[in-house]
N, C-alpha and C. Protein backbone atom coordinates (compact mmCIF):
# COMPACT_ATOMS: atom_id res chain seq x y z
N MET A 1 146.54 143.81 84.52
CA MET A 1 145.32 143.57 84.26
C MET A 1 144.21 144.42 84.04
N ALA A 2 143.14 144.27 83.44
CA ALA A 2 142.24 145.44 82.88
C ALA A 2 141.46 146.02 83.87
N LEU A 3 141.15 147.47 84.00
CA LEU A 3 140.23 147.85 84.81
C LEU A 3 139.00 147.70 84.31
N PRO A 4 137.79 147.47 85.28
CA PRO A 4 136.11 147.33 84.83
C PRO A 4 135.97 148.90 84.25
N THR A 5 135.14 148.78 83.45
CA THR A 5 134.56 150.17 82.74
C THR A 5 133.64 150.67 83.50
N LEU A 6 132.71 149.78 83.91
CA LEU A 6 131.66 150.36 84.62
C LEU A 6 131.90 149.58 86.17
N VAL A 7 131.49 150.82 87.26
CA VAL A 7 131.74 150.31 88.42
C VAL A 7 130.56 151.19 89.28
N ASP A 8 130.57 150.77 90.39
CA ASP A 8 129.55 151.42 91.46
C ASP A 8 130.38 151.81 92.44
N PRO A 9 130.55 153.44 91.96
CA PRO A 9 131.51 154.22 93.09
C PRO A 9 131.20 154.06 94.72
N ARG A 10 130.09 154.33 94.78
CA ARG A 10 129.55 154.24 96.26
C ARG A 10 130.01 153.06 96.90
N LYS A 11 129.65 151.77 96.21
CA LYS A 11 130.01 150.66 97.11
C LYS A 11 131.20 150.40 96.98
N LEU A 12 131.91 150.68 95.74
CA LEU A 12 133.58 150.47 96.21
C LEU A 12 134.23 151.36 97.06
N ALA A 13 133.45 152.48 97.40
CA ALA A 13 134.05 153.56 98.59
C ALA A 13 133.55 152.99 100.09
N ASN A 14 132.42 152.45 100.32
CA ASN A 14 131.92 151.83 101.51
C ASN A 14 133.11 150.88 101.77
N GLN A 15 133.56 149.99 100.97
CA GLN A 15 134.56 148.58 101.04
C GLN A 15 135.80 148.95 100.91
N GLY A 16 136.02 150.67 100.73
CA GLY A 16 137.40 151.26 100.56
C GLY A 16 138.52 150.12 99.73
N ILE A 17 137.91 149.72 98.49
CA ILE A 17 138.68 148.93 97.63
C ILE A 17 139.52 149.70 96.64
N VAL A 18 140.72 149.25 96.43
CA VAL A 18 141.82 149.66 95.66
C VAL A 18 141.90 149.13 94.26
N LEU A 19 141.92 149.93 92.92
CA LEU A 19 142.17 148.82 91.96
C LEU A 19 143.07 149.32 91.07
N GLU A 20 143.50 148.62 90.51
CA GLU A 20 145.14 148.71 89.50
C GLU A 20 144.87 148.03 88.07
N GLY A 21 145.18 148.70 87.56
CA GLY A 21 145.02 148.06 86.08
C GLY A 21 145.06 148.65 84.70
N HIS A 22 144.65 148.66 84.03
CA HIS A 22 144.77 149.75 82.67
C HIS A 22 143.58 149.57 81.88
N PHE A 23 143.60 150.57 80.97
CA PHE A 23 142.69 150.75 79.89
C PHE A 23 143.25 150.93 78.47
N GLU A 24 142.59 150.28 77.44
CA GLU A 24 143.15 150.15 76.49
C GLU A 24 142.89 151.51 75.58
N ALA A 25 143.26 151.72 74.46
CA ALA A 25 142.87 152.74 73.65
C ALA A 25 141.61 152.91 73.10
N LYS A 26 140.69 151.78 72.95
CA LYS A 26 139.59 151.76 72.50
C LYS A 26 138.79 152.55 73.40
N HIS A 27 139.10 152.64 74.64
CA HIS A 27 138.39 153.17 75.79
C HIS A 27 138.38 154.50 75.79
N LEU A 28 139.11 155.06 75.11
CA LEU A 28 139.47 156.36 75.27
C LEU A 28 139.69 157.35 74.09
N PRO A 29 138.13 157.44 73.67
CA PRO A 29 137.78 157.82 71.77
C PRO A 29 138.33 159.37 72.01
N ARG A 30 137.68 160.06 73.42
CA ARG A 30 138.26 161.96 72.79
C ARG A 30 139.88 162.04 72.84
N LEU A 31 140.38 161.08 73.66
CA LEU A 31 141.79 161.18 73.79
C LEU A 31 142.67 160.74 72.54
N ALA A 32 141.73 159.85 71.83
CA ALA A 32 142.47 159.30 70.68
C ALA A 32 142.18 160.34 69.53
N LEU A 33 141.10 161.67 69.52
CA LEU A 33 140.77 162.41 68.94
C LEU A 33 141.51 163.58 69.23
N SER A 34 142.31 163.71 70.29
CA SER A 34 143.11 164.93 70.84
C SER A 34 144.99 164.65 70.58
N VAL A 35 144.82 163.73 70.14
CA VAL A 35 146.45 163.27 69.75
C VAL A 35 146.60 162.47 68.75
N GLU A 36 147.90 162.44 68.20
CA GLU A 36 147.95 161.88 67.25
C GLU A 36 147.96 160.34 67.20
N SER A 37 148.31 159.48 68.31
CA SER A 37 148.15 158.37 68.80
C SER A 37 148.35 158.30 70.10
N ILE A 38 147.78 156.92 70.66
CA ILE A 38 148.24 156.72 71.94
C ILE A 38 149.17 155.34 71.92
N GLU A 39 150.53 155.53 72.62
CA GLU A 39 151.39 154.77 72.47
C GLU A 39 151.57 153.54 73.38
N SER A 40 150.81 154.05 74.74
CA SER A 40 150.62 152.87 75.42
C SER A 40 149.13 153.01 76.06
N PRO A 41 149.06 151.75 76.89
CA PRO A 41 147.66 151.60 77.85
C PRO A 41 147.48 152.51 78.56
N LEU A 42 146.38 153.16 79.27
CA LEU A 42 146.56 154.03 80.38
C LEU A 42 146.57 153.01 81.51
N SER A 43 147.25 153.22 82.18
CA SER A 43 147.64 152.46 83.36
C SER A 43 147.02 153.58 84.84
N ALA A 44 146.10 153.02 85.86
CA ALA A 44 145.69 153.72 86.79
C ALA A 44 145.75 152.84 88.10
N SER A 45 145.92 153.29 89.41
CA SER A 45 145.86 152.93 90.51
C SER A 45 144.82 153.91 91.50
N LEU A 46 143.76 153.65 91.69
CA LEU A 46 142.52 154.09 92.12
C LEU A 46 142.44 153.78 93.73
N LYS A 47 142.22 154.45 94.35
CA LYS A 47 141.72 154.05 95.86
C LYS A 47 140.44 154.52 96.46
N PHE A 48 139.35 154.00 96.25
CA PHE A 48 138.08 154.58 96.62
C PHE A 48 138.13 154.52 98.38
N GLU A 49 137.13 155.47 98.79
CA GLU A 49 137.29 155.30 100.08
C GLU A 49 136.05 156.14 100.51
N VAL A 50 135.68 156.36 102.14
CA VAL A 50 134.73 157.23 102.75
C VAL A 50 135.72 158.28 103.66
N ASP A 51 135.51 159.46 103.36
CA ASP A 51 136.57 160.83 104.09
C ASP A 51 135.73 161.01 105.60
N GLU A 52 136.53 161.85 106.23
CA GLU A 52 135.59 162.15 107.71
C GLU A 52 134.73 162.81 107.76
N ALA A 53 134.14 163.27 106.30
CA ALA A 53 133.15 164.21 106.40
C ALA A 53 131.80 163.14 105.76
N LYS A 54 132.13 162.17 105.66
CA LYS A 54 131.19 160.80 105.11
C LYS A 54 130.67 161.03 103.88
N ALA A 55 131.79 161.56 103.06
CA ALA A 55 131.67 161.72 101.58
C ALA A 55 132.41 160.45 100.86
N LYS A 56 132.07 159.97 99.68
CA LYS A 56 132.77 159.02 98.92
C LYS A 56 133.75 159.52 97.85
N VAL A 57 134.76 159.26 98.17
CA VAL A 57 136.08 159.63 97.73
C VAL A 57 136.97 158.55 96.42
N VAL A 58 137.43 159.30 95.34
CA VAL A 58 138.45 158.13 94.82
C VAL A 58 139.58 159.24 94.41
N GLY A 59 140.67 158.74 94.63
CA GLY A 59 141.91 159.27 94.56
C GLY A 59 142.99 158.22 94.25
N GLY A 60 143.83 158.89 93.07
CA GLY A 60 145.00 158.02 92.65
C GLY A 60 145.50 158.48 91.58
N SER A 61 146.39 157.60 90.68
CA SER A 61 147.44 158.14 89.99
C SER A 61 147.17 157.57 88.57
N LEU A 62 147.19 157.99 87.60
CA LEU A 62 147.60 157.18 86.40
C LEU A 62 148.67 157.63 85.40
N GLY A 63 148.99 156.69 84.53
CA GLY A 63 150.08 157.21 83.14
C GLY A 63 149.88 156.63 81.95
N ILE A 64 150.27 157.21 80.95
CA ILE A 64 149.96 156.73 79.43
C ILE A 64 151.32 157.83 78.56
N ALA A 65 151.34 156.81 77.74
CA ALA A 65 152.45 157.86 76.77
C ALA A 65 151.56 158.20 75.28
N VAL A 66 151.81 159.09 74.71
CA VAL A 66 150.95 159.49 73.57
C VAL A 66 151.69 160.49 72.53
N LYS A 67 151.44 159.93 71.42
CA LYS A 67 152.03 160.86 70.43
C LYS A 67 151.53 161.76 70.18
N VAL A 68 151.99 163.48 70.10
CA VAL A 68 151.24 164.46 69.43
C VAL A 68 152.29 165.07 68.82
N ILE A 69 152.08 166.19 68.13
CA ILE A 69 153.04 166.93 66.99
C ILE A 69 153.95 168.24 67.76
N CYS A 70 154.94 168.08 67.40
CA CYS A 70 156.12 169.01 68.01
C CYS A 70 155.51 170.22 67.44
N GLN A 71 155.67 171.44 68.18
CA GLN A 71 155.05 172.99 67.50
C GLN A 71 156.42 173.60 66.86
N ARG A 72 157.66 173.44 67.09
CA ARG A 72 158.58 173.63 66.33
C ARG A 72 159.22 173.03 65.04
N CYS A 73 158.88 171.92 64.90
CA CYS A 73 159.24 171.08 63.73
C CYS A 73 158.32 170.41 63.25
N LEU A 74 157.24 170.04 63.63
CA LEU A 74 155.76 169.77 63.10
C LEU A 74 155.99 168.15 62.77
N ASP A 75 156.92 167.65 63.50
CA ASP A 75 157.51 166.06 63.68
C ASP A 75 156.52 165.63 64.84
N PRO A 76 156.31 164.08 65.07
CA PRO A 76 155.58 163.51 66.07
C PRO A 76 156.65 163.50 66.91
N VAL A 77 156.28 163.78 68.38
CA VAL A 77 157.31 163.62 69.70
C VAL A 77 156.22 162.96 70.73
N VAL A 78 156.48 161.75 71.32
CA VAL A 78 155.75 161.03 72.12
C VAL A 78 156.29 161.43 73.76
N VAL A 79 155.08 161.89 74.13
CA VAL A 79 155.34 162.55 75.45
C VAL A 79 154.88 161.59 76.65
N ASP A 80 155.30 161.75 77.81
CA ASP A 80 154.43 160.74 78.84
C ASP A 80 153.84 161.85 79.78
N LEU A 81 152.32 160.82 80.10
CA LEU A 81 151.67 161.71 80.96
C LEU A 81 151.58 160.93 82.22
N ASN A 82 151.87 162.15 83.24
CA ASN A 82 151.33 161.17 84.74
C ASN A 82 150.43 162.11 85.37
N ALA A 83 149.77 161.89 85.94
CA ALA A 83 148.92 162.75 86.77
C ALA A 83 148.19 162.10 88.20
N ASP A 84 148.05 162.94 89.14
CA ASP A 84 147.06 162.56 90.45
C ASP A 84 146.28 163.07 90.39
N PHE A 85 145.27 162.33 90.80
CA PHE A 85 143.83 163.15 90.79
C PHE A 85 142.85 162.87 92.19
N ALA A 86 142.11 163.29 92.20
CA ALA A 86 141.34 163.35 93.57
C ALA A 86 140.01 163.93 93.24
N ALA A 87 138.71 162.94 93.48
CA ALA A 87 137.53 163.47 93.07
C ALA A 87 136.44 162.65 94.05
N GLN A 88 135.55 163.61 93.99
CA GLN A 88 134.52 163.27 95.05
C GLN A 88 133.15 162.65 94.43
N VAL A 89 132.50 161.51 94.80
CA VAL A 89 131.37 161.31 94.10
C VAL A 89 130.29 162.40 94.77
N ILE A 90 129.44 162.75 93.66
CA ILE A 90 128.08 163.13 93.94
C ILE A 90 126.78 162.42 92.86
N TRP A 91 125.74 162.84 93.33
CA TRP A 91 124.47 162.21 92.47
C TRP A 91 123.66 163.36 91.49
N SER A 92 124.29 164.65 91.67
CA SER A 92 123.65 165.50 90.76
C SER A 92 124.06 166.71 91.17
N GLU A 93 123.96 167.82 90.26
CA GLU A 93 124.81 168.92 90.10
C GLU A 93 124.06 170.03 91.33
N ASP A 94 123.08 169.78 91.71
CA ASP A 94 122.97 170.08 92.94
C ASP A 94 123.71 170.10 94.36
N GLN A 95 124.63 169.19 93.95
CA GLN A 95 125.32 168.44 95.17
C GLN A 95 127.12 169.55 95.09
N LEU A 96 126.87 170.39 94.14
CA LEU A 96 128.53 170.83 93.83
C LEU A 96 128.85 171.60 94.76
N SER A 97 128.28 172.54 95.33
CA SER A 97 128.65 172.95 96.77
C SER A 97 129.19 172.30 97.82
N SER A 98 128.98 171.14 97.97
CA SER A 98 129.51 170.11 98.90
C SER A 98 130.43 169.62 98.68
N VAL A 99 131.44 169.76 97.29
CA VAL A 99 132.44 168.96 96.77
C VAL A 99 133.34 169.85 97.52
N SER A 100 134.41 169.41 98.43
CA SER A 100 135.75 169.62 98.89
C SER A 100 136.46 170.35 98.00
N ALA A 101 137.47 171.73 98.06
CA ALA A 101 137.60 172.48 96.95
C ALA A 101 139.13 171.51 96.94
N ASP A 102 139.71 170.73 97.62
CA ASP A 102 140.84 169.86 96.73
C ASP A 102 140.25 168.79 96.14
N ARG A 103 139.07 168.59 95.84
CA ARG A 103 138.61 167.46 94.62
C ARG A 103 137.67 167.70 93.50
N GLU A 104 137.78 167.21 92.62
CA GLU A 104 136.89 167.24 91.53
C GLU A 104 135.71 166.97 91.79
N PRO A 105 134.38 167.19 90.98
CA PRO A 105 133.07 166.42 91.24
C PRO A 105 133.10 165.23 90.17
N TRP A 106 132.76 164.59 90.75
CA TRP A 106 132.54 163.29 89.74
C TRP A 106 130.86 162.58 90.04
N ILE A 107 130.33 163.37 89.18
CA ILE A 107 128.81 163.48 89.12
C ILE A 107 128.16 161.95 88.65
N VAL A 108 127.72 160.96 89.61
CA VAL A 108 127.41 159.86 89.01
C VAL A 108 125.69 159.80 89.23
N GLY A 109 125.04 159.68 88.24
CA GLY A 109 123.55 159.71 88.42
C GLY A 109 122.66 158.64 88.70
N ASP A 110 123.33 157.57 88.18
CA ASP A 110 123.16 156.23 88.06
C ASP A 110 123.71 155.67 89.17
N LYS A 111 123.26 154.33 89.56
CA LYS A 111 124.03 153.33 90.22
C LYS A 111 125.83 153.21 89.52
N MET A 112 125.29 153.03 88.66
CA MET A 112 126.79 152.93 87.66
C MET A 112 127.37 153.87 87.09
N ALA A 113 128.70 153.67 87.18
CA ALA A 113 129.51 154.94 86.31
C ALA A 113 130.84 154.55 85.41
N ASP A 114 130.90 155.00 84.70
CA ASP A 114 132.08 154.72 83.63
C ASP A 114 133.38 155.28 83.98
N LEU A 115 134.17 154.41 84.61
CA LEU A 115 135.43 154.84 85.15
C LEU A 115 136.06 155.42 84.05
N SER A 116 136.39 155.08 82.92
CA SER A 116 137.06 155.22 81.82
C SER A 116 136.90 156.55 81.48
N GLU A 117 135.57 157.06 82.03
CA GLU A 117 135.12 158.37 81.44
C GLU A 117 136.10 159.21 82.40
N LEU A 118 135.95 158.76 83.40
CA LEU A 118 136.50 159.66 84.65
C LEU A 118 138.44 159.89 84.29
N LEU A 119 138.92 158.99 83.98
CA LEU A 119 140.43 158.72 83.91
C LEU A 119 140.71 159.50 82.79
N GLU A 120 140.11 159.19 81.54
CA GLU A 120 139.99 159.89 79.96
C GLU A 120 140.11 161.50 80.66
N GLU A 121 139.36 161.97 81.07
CA GLU A 121 138.99 163.76 81.78
C GLU A 121 140.00 164.01 82.23
N GLU A 122 140.63 163.01 82.99
CA GLU A 122 141.84 163.21 84.10
C GLU A 122 143.47 163.26 83.00
N VAL A 123 143.26 162.25 82.32
CA VAL A 123 144.52 162.69 80.96
C VAL A 123 144.55 163.61 80.46
N LEU A 124 143.40 164.52 79.35
CA LEU A 124 143.13 165.19 78.89
C LEU A 124 143.32 166.30 79.41
N LEU A 125 142.94 166.71 80.78
CA LEU A 125 143.74 167.81 81.52
C LEU A 125 145.20 167.69 81.59
N ALA A 126 145.63 166.63 81.53
CA ALA A 126 147.13 166.74 81.69
C ALA A 126 147.88 166.80 80.76
N LEU A 127 147.32 166.73 79.76
CA LEU A 127 148.13 167.30 78.16
C LEU A 127 148.51 168.70 78.29
N PRO A 128 149.58 168.78 78.15
CA PRO A 128 150.67 170.08 77.81
C PRO A 128 149.72 171.14 77.03
N LEU A 129 149.94 172.51 77.10
CA LEU A 129 149.05 173.07 76.04
C LEU A 129 150.10 173.17 74.70
N VAL A 130 151.41 173.47 75.10
CA VAL A 130 152.21 173.30 73.77
C VAL A 130 153.15 172.07 73.61
N ASN A 131 153.46 171.48 72.89
CA ASN A 131 154.48 170.35 72.99
C ASN A 131 155.79 170.62 72.15
N TYR A 132 157.11 170.26 72.59
CA TYR A 132 158.18 170.26 72.12
C TYR A 132 158.79 168.72 72.34
N HIS A 133 160.09 168.49 71.34
CA HIS A 133 161.05 167.33 71.44
C HIS A 133 161.99 168.00 72.42
N ASP A 134 162.54 167.45 73.43
CA ASP A 134 163.62 167.67 74.02
C ASP A 134 164.95 168.91 73.39
N GLN A 135 165.35 169.52 74.02
CA GLN A 135 166.16 170.51 73.65
C GLN A 135 167.40 169.48 72.95
N GLY A 136 167.90 170.03 71.78
CA GLY A 136 168.58 169.61 71.05
C GLY A 136 168.20 168.22 70.02
N SER A 137 167.22 167.73 70.03
CA SER A 137 166.60 166.37 69.35
C SER A 137 165.30 167.04 68.47
N CYS A 138 165.21 168.44 68.36
CA CYS A 138 164.17 168.67 67.43
C CYS A 138 164.69 169.32 65.82
N THR A 139 163.99 168.79 64.91
CA THR A 139 164.66 169.41 63.70
C THR A 139 164.31 170.52 63.47
N GLY A 140 163.31 171.56 64.11
CA GLY A 140 162.88 172.77 64.13
C GLY A 140 163.77 173.60 64.59
N GLU A 141 164.87 173.21 65.65
CA GLU A 141 165.52 174.20 66.10
C GLU A 141 166.75 174.74 65.27
N THR A 142 166.90 173.95 64.11
CA THR A 142 167.81 174.49 63.23
C THR A 142 167.21 176.15 62.23
N PHE A 143 166.01 176.01 62.67
CA PHE A 143 165.54 177.52 62.12
C PHE A 143 165.07 178.46 62.88
N LEU A 144 165.60 178.57 64.38
CA LEU A 144 165.90 179.49 65.29
C LEU A 144 166.83 179.89 65.07
N PRO A 145 167.34 181.44 65.61
CA PRO A 145 168.23 182.13 65.58
C PRO A 145 168.88 181.41 66.74
N GLN A 146 170.54 181.61 66.56
CA GLN A 146 171.34 181.14 67.38
C GLN A 146 171.95 181.90 68.80
N ASP A 147 171.70 183.55 68.38
CA ASP A 147 171.86 184.08 69.62
C ASP A 147 170.89 185.27 69.50
N ALA A 148 171.01 186.41 70.21
CA ALA A 148 170.01 187.25 70.29
C ALA A 148 170.23 188.16 69.34
N SER A 149 171.52 188.55 68.95
CA SER A 149 171.77 189.40 67.85
C SER A 149 171.76 188.90 66.34
N ALA A 150 170.79 188.11 66.12
CA ALA A 150 170.52 187.56 65.00
C ALA A 150 169.90 188.20 64.23
N GLY A 151 168.85 189.05 65.17
CA GLY A 151 167.62 189.80 64.41
C GLY A 151 168.20 191.22 64.42
N GLN A 152 169.66 191.50 64.57
CA GLN A 152 169.89 193.09 64.68
C GLN A 152 170.80 193.38 63.65
N THR A 153 171.14 194.53 63.17
CA THR A 153 172.21 194.70 62.22
C THR A 153 173.47 195.28 62.86
N GLN A 154 174.47 195.51 62.22
CA GLN A 154 175.95 195.85 63.03
C GLN A 154 175.50 196.99 63.73
N ASN A 155 174.64 198.08 63.56
CA ASN A 155 174.29 199.33 63.98
C ASN A 155 173.46 199.23 65.19
N ASP A 156 173.46 198.12 65.57
CA ASP A 156 172.18 197.52 66.73
C ASP A 156 171.08 198.17 66.40
N GLU A 157 170.76 198.19 65.01
CA GLU A 157 168.87 199.18 64.52
C GLU A 157 168.13 197.79 64.65
N VAL A 158 166.97 197.79 64.45
CA VAL A 158 166.28 196.89 64.45
C VAL A 158 165.98 196.55 62.68
N VAL A 159 165.72 195.24 62.69
CA VAL A 159 165.64 195.16 61.51
C VAL A 159 164.40 195.64 60.67
N ALA A 160 164.33 195.66 59.33
CA ALA A 160 163.49 196.62 58.66
C ALA A 160 161.74 196.03 58.97
N ASP A 161 161.97 194.46 58.86
CA ASP A 161 160.79 193.90 59.00
C ASP A 161 159.72 194.17 60.43
N ASN A 162 160.14 194.90 60.83
CA ASN A 162 159.41 195.20 62.17
C ASN A 162 158.11 195.89 61.67
N PRO A 163 156.87 195.54 62.42
CA PRO A 163 155.41 195.94 62.09
C PRO A 163 155.52 197.02 62.65
N PHE A 164 156.22 197.77 63.71
CA PHE A 164 156.01 198.98 64.15
C PHE A 164 156.72 199.71 63.23
N ASN A 165 157.42 200.27 62.37
CA ASN A 165 158.02 200.58 61.51
C ASN A 165 157.13 201.72 60.65
N ILE A 166 155.89 200.66 60.33
CA ILE A 166 154.83 201.33 59.60
C ILE A 166 154.33 202.40 60.56
N LEU A 167 153.83 202.07 61.82
CA LEU A 167 153.14 203.05 62.66
C LEU A 167 154.22 203.99 62.98
N LYS A 168 155.71 204.14 62.92
CA LYS A 168 156.35 205.01 63.14
C LYS A 168 156.11 205.79 61.99
N GLN A 169 155.93 205.67 60.81
CA GLN A 169 156.27 206.27 59.38
C GLN A 169 154.78 206.82 59.37
N LEU A 170 153.65 206.49 60.06
CA LEU A 170 152.50 207.24 59.95
C LEU A 170 152.14 208.22 60.89
N LYS A 171 153.02 208.03 61.82
CA LYS A 171 152.86 208.73 63.07
C LYS A 171 153.56 210.18 62.33
N LYS A 172 154.68 210.21 61.93
CA LYS A 172 155.20 211.60 61.12
C LYS A 172 154.84 212.14 60.04
């Protein structure tokens, strides 16, 4: 089932609504620009509620598969992203100080908010900084030294390509 794009988070929190569903790639334009391709719909489970401090909160989990570039071999690799999140609904930036430390602020200025933007932001935060294939399946591993002694000569001297050798010569 597709998740609604526009929601009233305050009303959903007051009613204690649980939403489960997915967003197609067309609802995730910033993610599409950050990866090679989106391989699966974004699936999410969200629970809206009012906490003990009377704050409107939403928490849940999400999952999506994206294709990114391996930093070793520069071939595409599919990465499964899964994340848990917790957000507190606030009306303006003036209320940032009231947001609990274990939650992210979700600023909802109007009555309605774009749920896909919140989930897309969480996926962007879940993207790894560097992407690699699994050990043994990367074509770039053939270019890596097989052991630590590959960069040393038989006399255990550092190879002449060391950039600090130039500094050593200048020091003399």
